[in-house]
PDB file of N, CA and C in Angstrom:
ATOM      1  N   MET A   1      38.794  83.747  36.584  1.00  0.00           N
ATOM      2  CA  MET A   1      38.833  82.437  37.191  1.00  0.00           C
ATOM      3  C   MET A   1      39.458  82.571  38.578  1.00  0.00           C
ATOM      4  N   ASN A   2      38.764  82.060  39.547  1.00  0.00           N
ATOM      5  CA  ASN A   2      39.319  82.083  40.896  1.00  0.00           C
ATOM      6  C   ASN A   2      39.927  80.714  41.227  1.00  0.00           C
ATOM      7  N   SER A   3      40.451  80.613  42.422  1.00  0.00           N
ATOM      8  CA  SER A   3      41.159  79.382  42.790  1.00  0.00           C
ATOM      9  C   SER A   3      40.213  78.186  42.901  1.00  0.00           C
ATOM     10  N   THR A   4      38.962  78.419  43.262  1.00  0.00           N
ATOM     11  CA  THR A   4      38.004  77.320  43.373  1.00  0.00           C
ATOM     12  C   THR A   4      37.761  76.672  42.014  1.00  0.00           C
ATOM     13  N   GLU A   5      37.623  77.491  40.986  1.00  0.00           N
ATOM     14  CA  GLU A   5      37.410  76.948  39.642  1.00  0.00           C
ATOM     15  C   GLU A   5      38.643  76.203  39.147  1.00  0.00           C
ATOM     16  N   ALA A   6      39.821  76.723  39.455  1.00  0.00           N
ATOM     17  CA  ALA A   6      41.058  76.050  39.044  1.00  0.00           C
ATOM     18  C   ALA A   6      41.196  74.698  39.736  1.00  0.00           C
ATOM     19  N   ILE A   7      40.851  74.640  41.007  1.00  0.00           N
ATOM     20  CA  ILE A   7      40.907  73.378  41.740  1.00  0.00           C
ATOM     21  C   ILE A   7      39.883  72.400  41.184  1.00  0.00           C
ATOM     22  N   GLU A   8      38.705  72.892  40.831  1.00  0.00           N
ATOM     23  CA  GLU A   8      37.670  72.040  40.248  1.00  0.00           C
ATOM     24  C   GLU A   8      38.124  71.454  38.908  1.00  0.00           C
ATOM     25  N   ILE A   9      38.762  72.268  38.081  1.00  0.00           N
ATOM     26  CA  ILE A   9      39.276  71.780  36.794  1.00  0.00           C
ATOM     27  C   ILE A   9      40.368  70.740  37.023  1.00  0.00           C
ATOM     28  N   GLY A  10      41.241  70.983  37.980  1.00  0.00           N
ATOM     29  CA  GLY A  10      42.284  70.008  38.301  1.00  0.00           C
ATOM     30  C   GLY A  10      41.709  68.698  38.805  1.00  0.00           C
ATOM     31  N   ARG A  11      40.686  68.789  39.647  1.00  0.00           N
ATOM     32  CA  ARG A  11      40.035  67.585  40.169  1.00  0.00           C
ATOM     33  C   ARG A  11      39.379  66.793  39.044  1.00  0.00           C
ATOM     34  N   GLU A  12      38.675  67.499  38.161  1.00  0.00           N
ATOM     35  CA  GLU A  12      38.027  66.822  37.036  1.00  0.00           C
ATOM     36  C   GLU A  12      39.046  66.172  36.105  1.00  0.00           C
ATOM     37  N   SER A  13      40.173  66.846  35.899  1.00  0.00           N
ATOM     38  CA  SER A  13      41.187  66.270  35.011  1.00  0.00           C
ATOM     39  C   SER A  13      41.799  65.009  35.612  1.00  0.00           C
ATOM     40  N   ILE A  14      41.987  64.979  36.914  1.00  0.00           N
ATOM     41  CA  ILE A  14      42.512  63.775  37.564  1.00  0.00           C
ATOM     42  C   ILE A  14      41.504  62.635  37.471  1.00  0.00           C
ATOM     43  N   ILE A  15      40.221  62.941  37.654  1.00  0.00           N
ATOM     44  CA  ILE A  15      39.190  61.907  37.549  1.00  0.00           C
ATOM     45  C   ILE A  15      39.130  61.341  36.138  1.00  0.00           C
ATOM     46  N   VAL A  16      39.198  62.214  35.134  1.00  0.00           N
ATOM     47  CA  VAL A  16      39.177  61.747  33.743  1.00  0.00           C
ATOM     48  C   VAL A  16      40.409  60.900  33.454  1.00  0.00           C
ATOM     49  N   MET A  17      41.559  61.322  33.952  1.00  0.00           N
ATOM     50  CA  MET A  17      42.784  60.553  33.746  1.00  0.00           C
ATOM     51  C   MET A  17      42.650  59.155  34.355  1.00  0.00           C
ATOM     52  N   LEU A  18      42.081  59.066  35.543  1.00  0.00           N
ATOM     53  CA  LEU A  18      41.897  57.767  36.182  1.00  0.00           C
ATOM     54  C   LEU A  18      40.877  56.918  35.434  1.00  0.00           C
ATOM     55  N   LYS A  19      39.800  57.541  34.950  1.00  0.00           N
ATOM     56  CA  LYS A  19      38.799  56.795  34.193  1.00  0.00           C
ATOM     57  C   LYS A  19      39.374  56.255  32.892  1.00  0.00           C
ATOM     58  N   ILE A  20      40.291  56.983  32.297  1.00  0.00           N
ATOM     59  CA  ILE A  20      40.885  56.541  31.037  1.00  0.00           C
ATOM     60  C   ILE A  20      41.982  55.500  31.279  1.00  0.00           C
ATOM     61  N   GLY A  21      42.808  55.703  32.276  1.00  0.00           N
ATOM     62  CA  GLY A  21      43.959  54.832  32.479  1.00  0.00           C
ATOM     63  C   GLY A  21      43.724  53.613  33.345  1.00  0.00           C
ATOM     64  N   ALA A  22      42.783  53.692  34.274  1.00  0.00           N
ATOM     65  CA  ALA A  22      42.596  52.608  35.236  1.00  0.00           C
ATOM     66  C   ALA A  22      42.204  51.271  34.606  1.00  0.00           C
ATOM     67  N   PRO A  23      41.293  51.226  33.634  1.00  0.00           N
ATOM     68  CA  PRO A  23      40.944  49.901  33.084  1.00  0.00           C
ATOM     69  C   PRO A  23      42.134  49.169  32.470  1.00  0.00           C
ATOM     70  N   ILE A  24      42.979  49.885  31.766  1.00  0.00           N
ATOM     71  CA  ILE A  24      44.130  49.249  31.132  1.00  0.00           C
ATOM     72  C   ILE A  24      45.136  48.804  32.193  1.00  0.00           C
ATOM     73  N   MET A  25      45.353  49.647  33.198  1.00  0.00           N
ATOM     74  CA  MET A  25      46.287  49.263  34.261  1.00  0.00           C
ATOM     75  C   MET A  25      45.774  48.062  35.047  1.00  0.00           C
ATOM     76  N   LEU A  26      44.459  48.004  35.278  1.00  0.00           N
ATOM     77  CA  LEU A  26      43.897  46.863  35.996  1.00  0.00           C
ATOM     78  C   LEU A  26      43.995  45.582  35.173  1.00  0.00           C
ATOM     79  N   LEU A  27      43.813  45.688  33.859  1.00  0.00           N
ATOM     80  CA  LEU A  27      43.999  44.515  33.002  1.00  0.00           C
ATOM     81  C   LEU A  27      45.438  44.009  33.078  1.00  0.00           C
ATOM     82  N   ALA A  28      46.386  44.918  32.985  1.00  0.00           N
ATOM     83  CA  ALA A  28      47.796  44.530  33.058  1.00  0.00           C
ATOM     84  C   ALA A  28      48.117  43.917  34.418  1.00  0.00           C
ATOM     85  N   LEU A  29      47.547  44.472  35.473  1.00  0.00           N
ATOM     86  CA  LEU A  29      47.762  43.925  36.810  1.00  0.00           C
ATOM     87  C   LEU A  29      47.204  42.516  36.927  1.00  0.00           C
ATOM     88  N   ALA A  30      45.994  42.306  36.419  1.00  0.00           N
ATOM     89  CA  ALA A  30      45.368  40.987  36.503  1.00  0.00           C
ATOM     90  C   ALA A  30      46.161  39.947  35.718  1.00  0.00           C
ATOM     91  N   VAL A  31      46.597  40.309  34.519  1.00  0.00           N
ATOM     92  CA  VAL A  31      47.386  39.366  33.716  1.00  0.00           C
ATOM     93  C   VAL A  31      48.723  39.091  34.391  1.00  0.00           C
ATOM     94  N   GLY A  32      49.348  40.114  34.927  1.00  0.00           N
ATOM     95  CA  GLY A  32      50.618  39.923  35.622  1.00  0.00           C
ATOM     96  C   GLY A  32      50.486  39.007  36.823  1.00  0.00           C
ATOM     97  N   LEU A  33      49.416  39.192  37.592  1.00  0.00           N
ATOM     98  CA  LEU A  33      49.201  38.319  38.751  1.00  0.00           C
ATOM     99  C   LEU A  33      48.908  36.886  38.333  1.00  0.00           C
ATOM    100  N   ALA A  34      48.105  36.723  37.284  1.00  0.00           N
ATOM    101  CA  ALA A  34      47.779  35.375  36.819  1.00  0.00           C
ATOM    102  C   ALA A  34      49.026  34.653  36.318  1.00  0.00           C
ATOM    103  N   ILE A  35      49.849  35.350  35.577  1.00  0.00           N
ATOM    104  CA  ILE A  35      51.066  34.718  35.055  1.00  0.00           C
ATOM    105  C   ILE A  35      52.060  34.456  36.182  1.00  0.00           C
ATOM    106  N   ALA A  36      52.148  35.361  37.144  1.00  0.00           N
ATOM    107  CA  ALA A  36      53.039  35.134  38.288  1.00  0.00           C
ATOM    108  C   ALA A  36      52.586  33.919  39.090  1.00  0.00           C
ATOM    109  N   LEU A  37      51.275  33.774  39.262  1.00  0.00           N
ATOM    110  CA  LEU A  37      50.755  32.602  39.965  1.00  0.00           C
ATOM    111  C   LEU A  37      51.057  31.329  39.177  1.00  0.00           C
ATOM    112  N   PHE A  38      50.867  31.382  37.868  1.00  0.00           N
ATOM    113  CA  PHE A  38      51.185  30.232  37.011  1.00  0.00           C
ATOM    114  C   PHE A  38      52.664  29.872  37.101  1.00  0.00           C
ATOM    115  N   GLN A  39      53.518  30.882  37.068  1.00  0.00           N
ATOM    116  CA  GLN A  39      54.959  30.627  37.161  1.00  0.00           C
ATOM    117  C   GLN A  39      55.331  30.050  38.524  1.00  0.00           C
ATOM    118  N   ALA A  40      54.680  30.535  39.571  1.00  0.00           N
ATOM    119  CA  ALA A  40      54.985  30.017  40.906  1.00  0.00           C
ATOM    120  C   ALA A  40      54.518  28.572  41.059  1.00  0.00           C
ATOM    121  N   LEU A  41      53.368  28.255  40.483  1.00  0.00           N
ATOM    122  CA  LEU A  41      52.849  26.893  40.607  1.00  0.00           C
ATOM    123  C   LEU A  41      53.634  25.892  39.774  1.00  0.00           C
ATOM    124  N   THR A  42      54.153  26.331  38.641  1.00  0.00           N
ATOM    125  CA  THR A  42      54.874  25.409  37.758  1.00  0.00           C
ATOM    126  C   THR A  42      56.387  25.525  37.891  1.00  0.00           C
ATOM    127  N   SER A  43      56.861  26.397  38.735  1.00  0.00           N
ATOM    128  CA  SER A  43      58.293  26.639  38.953  1.00  0.00           C
ATOM    129  C   SER A  43      59.024  27.063  37.686  1.00  0.00           C
ATOM    130  N   ILE A  44      58.328  27.764  36.814  1.00  0.00           N
ATOM    131  CA  ILE A  44      58.962  28.315  35.612  1.00  0.00           C
ATOM    132  C   ILE A  44      59.568  29.658  36.001  1.00  0.00           C
ATOM    133  N   GLN A  45      60.836  29.852  35.689  1.00  0.00           N
ATOM    134  CA  GLN A  45      61.523  31.088  36.061  1.00  0.00           C
ATOM    135  C   GLN A  45      61.838  31.962  34.847  1.00  0.00           C
ATOM    136  N   GLU A  46      61.050  31.877  33.806  1.00  0.00           N
ATOM    137  CA  GLU A  46      61.285  32.648  32.590  1.00  0.00           C
ATOM    138  C   GLU A  46      60.714  34.061  32.765  1.00  0.00           C
ATOM    139  N   MET A  47      61.576  35.064  32.713  1.00  0.00           N
ATOM    140  CA  MET A  47      61.151  36.445  32.949  1.00  0.00           C
ATOM    141  C   MET A  47      60.396  37.034  31.760  1.00  0.00           C
ATOM    142  N   THR A  48      60.669  36.535  30.565  1.00  0.00           N
ATOM    143  CA  THR A  48      60.029  37.108  29.379  1.00  0.00           C
ATOM    144  C   THR A  48      58.636  36.545  29.136  1.00  0.00           C
ATOM    145  N   LEU A  49      58.205  35.586  29.934  1.00  0.00           N
ATOM    146  CA  LEU A  49      56.899  34.962  29.744  1.00  0.00           C
ATOM    147  C   LEU A  49      55.750  35.944  29.962  1.00  0.00           C
ATOM    148  N   THR A  50      55.944  36.956  30.771  1.00  0.00           N
ATOM    149  CA  THR A  50      54.848  37.875  31.082  1.00  0.00           C
ATOM    150  C   THR A  50      54.616  38.913  29.994  1.00  0.00           C
ATOM    151  N   PHE A  51      55.595  39.178  29.159  1.00  0.00           N
ATOM    152  CA  PHE A  51      55.487  40.301  28.230  1.00  0.00           C
ATOM    153  C   PHE A  51      54.456  40.080  27.129  1.00  0.00           C
ATOM    154  N   VAL A  52      54.503  38.953  26.467  1.00  0.00           N
ATOM    155  CA  VAL A  52      53.615  38.723  25.319  1.00  0.00           C
ATOM    156  C   VAL A  52      52.145  38.699  25.735  1.00  0.00           C
ATOM    157  N   PRO A  53      51.752  37.954  26.770  1.00  0.00           N
ATOM    158  CA  PRO A  53      50.339  38.002  27.166  1.00  0.00           C
ATOM    159  C   PRO A  53      49.890  39.395  27.614  1.00  0.00           C
ATOM    160  N   LYS A  54      50.758  40.109  28.318  1.00  0.00           N
ATOM    161  CA  LYS A  54      50.394  41.462  28.741  1.00  0.00           C
ATOM    162  C   LYS A  54      50.186  42.375  27.547  1.00  0.00           C
ATOM    163  N   ILE A  55      51.073  42.296  26.570  1.00  0.00           N
ATOM    164  CA  ILE A  55      50.948  43.146  25.388  1.00  0.00           C
ATOM    165  C   ILE A  55      49.661  42.824  24.644  1.00  0.00           C
ATOM    166  N   ILE A  56      49.349  41.544  24.499  1.00  0.00           N
ATOM    167  CA  ILE A  56      48.131  41.155  23.789  1.00  0.00           C
ATOM    168  C   ILE A  56      46.892  41.630  24.536  1.00  0.00           C
ATOM    169  N   VAL A  57      46.845  41.413  25.848  1.00  0.00           N
ATOM    170  CA  VAL A  57      45.678  41.816  26.638  1.00  0.00           C
ATOM    171  C   VAL A  57      45.530  43.332  26.654  1.00  0.00           C
ATOM    172  N   ILE A  58      46.616  44.058  26.771  1.00  0.00           N
ATOM    173  CA  ILE A  58      46.541  45.518  26.767  1.00  0.00           C
ATOM    174  C   ILE A  58      46.064  46.018  25.410  1.00  0.00           C
ATOM    175  N   PHE A  59      46.557  45.432  24.331  1.00  0.00           N
ATOM    176  CA  PHE A  59      46.123  45.837  22.995  1.00  0.00           C
ATOM    177  C   PHE A  59      44.628  45.595  22.813  1.00  0.00           C
ATOM    178  N   VAL A  60      44.155  44.413  23.198  1.00  0.00           N
ATOM    179  CA  VAL A  60      42.726  44.107  23.081  1.00  0.00           C
ATOM    180  C   VAL A  60      41.909  45.019  23.995  1.00  0.00           C
ATOM    181  N   GLY A  61      42.407  45.260  25.200  1.00  0.00           N
ATOM    182  CA  GLY A  61      41.708  46.150  26.127  1.00  0.00           C
ATOM    183  C   GLY A  61      41.595  47.563  25.600  1.00  0.00           C
ATOM    184  N   VAL A  62      42.662  48.066  25.003  1.00  0.00           N
ATOM    185  CA  VAL A  62      42.616  49.418  24.427  1.00  0.00           C
ATOM    186  C   VAL A  62      41.619  49.459  23.281  1.00  0.00           C
ATOM    187  N   MET A  63      41.610  48.440  22.446  1.00  0.00           N
ATOM    188  CA  MET A  63      40.668  48.420  21.324  1.00  0.00           C
ATOM    189  C   MET A  63      39.220  48.376  21.813  1.00  0.00           C
ATOM    190  N   LEU A  64      38.964  47.627  22.881  1.00  0.00           N
ATOM    191  CA  LEU A  64      37.606  47.543  23.400  1.00  0.00           C
ATOM    192  C   LEU A  64      37.195  48.802  24.166  1.00  0.00           C
ATOM    193  N   MET A  65      38.138  49.419  24.862  1.00  0.00           N
ATOM    194  CA  MET A  65      37.823  50.581  25.693  1.00  0.00           C
ATOM    195  C   MET A  65      37.980  51.911  24.963  1.00  0.00           C
ATOM    196  N   LEU A  66      38.481  51.888  23.738  1.00  0.00           N
ATOM    197  CA  LEU A  66      38.758  53.128  23.019  1.00  0.00           C
ATOM    198  C   LEU A  66      37.531  54.022  22.858  1.00  0.00           C
ATOM    199  N   PRO A  67      36.341  53.504  22.515  1.00  0.00           N
ATOM    200  CA  PRO A  67      35.183  54.408  22.416  1.00  0.00           C
ATOM    201  C   PRO A  67      34.864  55.107  23.743  1.00  0.00           C
ATOM    202  N   PHE A  68      34.947  54.368  24.850  1.00  0.00           N
ATOM    203  CA  PHE A  68      34.699  54.969  26.159  1.00  0.00           C
ATOM    204  C   PHE A  68      35.750  56.020  26.486  1.00  0.00           C
ATOM    205  N   MET A  69      37.012  55.707  26.197  1.00  0.00           N
ATOM    206  CA  MET A  69      38.091  56.647  26.481  1.00  0.00           C
ATOM    207  C   MET A  69      37.931  57.929  25.674  1.00  0.00           C
ATOM    208  N   LEU A  70      37.630  57.780  24.394  1.00  0.00           N
ATOM    209  CA  LEU A  70      37.473  58.959  23.541  1.00  0.00           C
ATOM    210  C   LEU A  70      36.265  59.791  23.946  1.00  0.00           C
ATOM    211  N   SER A  71      35.161  59.144  24.314  1.00  0.00           N
ATOM    212  CA  SER A  71      33.983  59.917  24.722  1.00  0.00           C
ATOM    213  C   SER A  71      34.242  60.658  26.031  1.00  0.00           C
ATOM    214  N   SER A  72      34.945  60.023  26.966  1.00  0.00           N
ATOM    215  CA  SER A  72      35.276  60.699  28.227  1.00  0.00           C
ATOM    216  C   SER A  72      36.180  61.898  27.984  1.00  0.00           C
ATOM    217  N   LEU A  73      37.189  61.710  27.153  1.00  0.00           N
ATOM    218  CA  LEU A  73      38.123  62.790  26.863  1.00  0.00           C
ATOM    219  C   LEU A  73      37.452  63.908  26.073  1.00  0.00           C
ATOM    220  N   THR A  74      36.573  63.549  25.144  1.00  0.00           N
ATOM    221  CA  THR A  74      35.858  64.558  24.361  1.00  0.00           C
ATOM    222  C   THR A  74      34.918  65.367  25.239  1.00  0.00           C
ATOM    223  N   THR A  75      34.194  64.700  26.120  1.00  0.00           N
ATOM    224  CA  THR A  75      33.283  65.403  27.027  1.00  0.00           C
ATOM    225  C   THR A  75      34.047  66.358  27.931  1.00  0.00           C
ATOM    226  N   PHE A  76      35.171  65.895  28.475  1.00  0.00           N
ATOM    227  CA  PHE A  76      35.980  66.757  29.334  1.00  0.00           C
ATOM    228  C   PHE A  76      36.531  67.946  28.560  1.00  0.00           C
ATOM    229  N   SER A  77      37.030  67.696  27.356  1.00  0.00           N
ATOM    230  CA  SER A  77      37.604  68.780  26.550  1.00  0.00           C
ATOM    231  C   SER A  77      36.546  69.804  26.166  1.00  0.00           C
ATOM    232  N   GLN A  78      35.360  69.346  25.787  1.00  0.00           N
ATOM    233  CA  GLN A  78      34.294  70.280  25.439  1.00  0.00           C
ATOM    234  C   GLN A  78      33.897  71.129  26.640  1.00  0.00           C
ATOM    235  N   GLY A  79      33.805  70.509  27.807  1.00  0.00           N
ATOM    236  CA  GLY A  79      33.498  71.272  29.012  1.00  0.00           C
ATOM    237  C   GLY A  79      34.573  72.290  29.334  1.00  0.00           C
ATOM    238  N   LEU A  80      35.821  71.910  29.135  1.00  0.00           N
ATOM    239  CA  LEU A  80      36.935  72.824  29.382  1.00  0.00           C
ATOM    240  C   LEU A  80      36.912  73.994  28.402  1.00  0.00           C
ATOM    241  N   PHE A  81      36.660  73.705  27.131  1.00  0.00           N
ATOM    242  CA  PHE A  81      36.588  74.776  26.135  1.00  0.00           C
ATOM    243  C   PHE A  81      35.387  75.685  26.380  1.00  0.00           C
ATOM    244  N   ASP A  82      34.271  75.113  26.837  1.00  0.00           N
ATOM    245  CA  ASP A  82      33.106  75.938  27.174  1.00  0.00           C
ATOM    246  C   ASP A  82      33.423  76.885  28.329  1.00  0.00           C
ATOM    247  N   ARG A  83      34.184  76.404  29.292  1.00  0.00           N
ATOM    248  CA  ARG A  83      34.594  77.280  30.401  1.00  0.00           C
ATOM    249  C   ARG A  83      35.506  78.397  29.915  1.00  0.00           C
ATOM    250  N   MET A  84      36.400  78.076  28.965  1.00  0.00           N
ATOM    251  CA  MET A  84      37.288  79.105  28.418  1.00  0.00           C
ATOM    252  C   MET A  84      36.496  80.184  27.697  1.00  0.00           C
ATOM    253  N   VAL A  85      35.493  79.770  26.935  1.00  0.00           N
ATOM    254  CA  VAL A  85      34.661  80.731  26.209  1.00  0.00           C
ATOM    255  C   VAL A  85      33.860  81.576  27.195  1.00  0.00           C
ATOM    256  N   ALA A  86      33.369  80.965  28.265  1.00  0.00           N
ATOM    257  CA  ALA A  86      32.579  81.701  29.251  1.00  0.00           C
ATOM    258  C   ALA A  86      33.421  82.745  29.980  1.00  0.00           C
ATOM    259  N   LEU A  87      34.718  82.486  30.116  1.00  0.00           N
ATOM    260  CA  LEU A  87      35.587  83.455  30.779  1.00  0.00           C
ATOM    261  C   LEU A  87      35.825  84.683  29.911  1.00  0.00           C
ATOM    262  N   GLY A  88      35.720  84.498  28.622  1.00  0.00           N
ATOM    263  CA  GLY A  88      35.880  85.641  27.716  1.00  0.00           C
ATOM    264  C   GLY A  88      37.237  85.720  27.239  1.00  0.00           C
TER     265      GLY A  88
END
């Protein structure tokens, strides 16, 4: 394995990590912004108000995105193992 292949594997792993993590982080960001806007409009200063909706949305998002996440991770892992076998 030369440095080009190592860099390619690192690049692919970062892309897979972003594909797996970004949807959940974007959901949490959207819910956080919506609740912050609601709190600003209604002058509610309760700090714990954001936790329950975020937890629920993240849980539902993970359940909906789990097949995509697992297929992405499985495809990446199989490709990585195939490269290991090809190296000998």
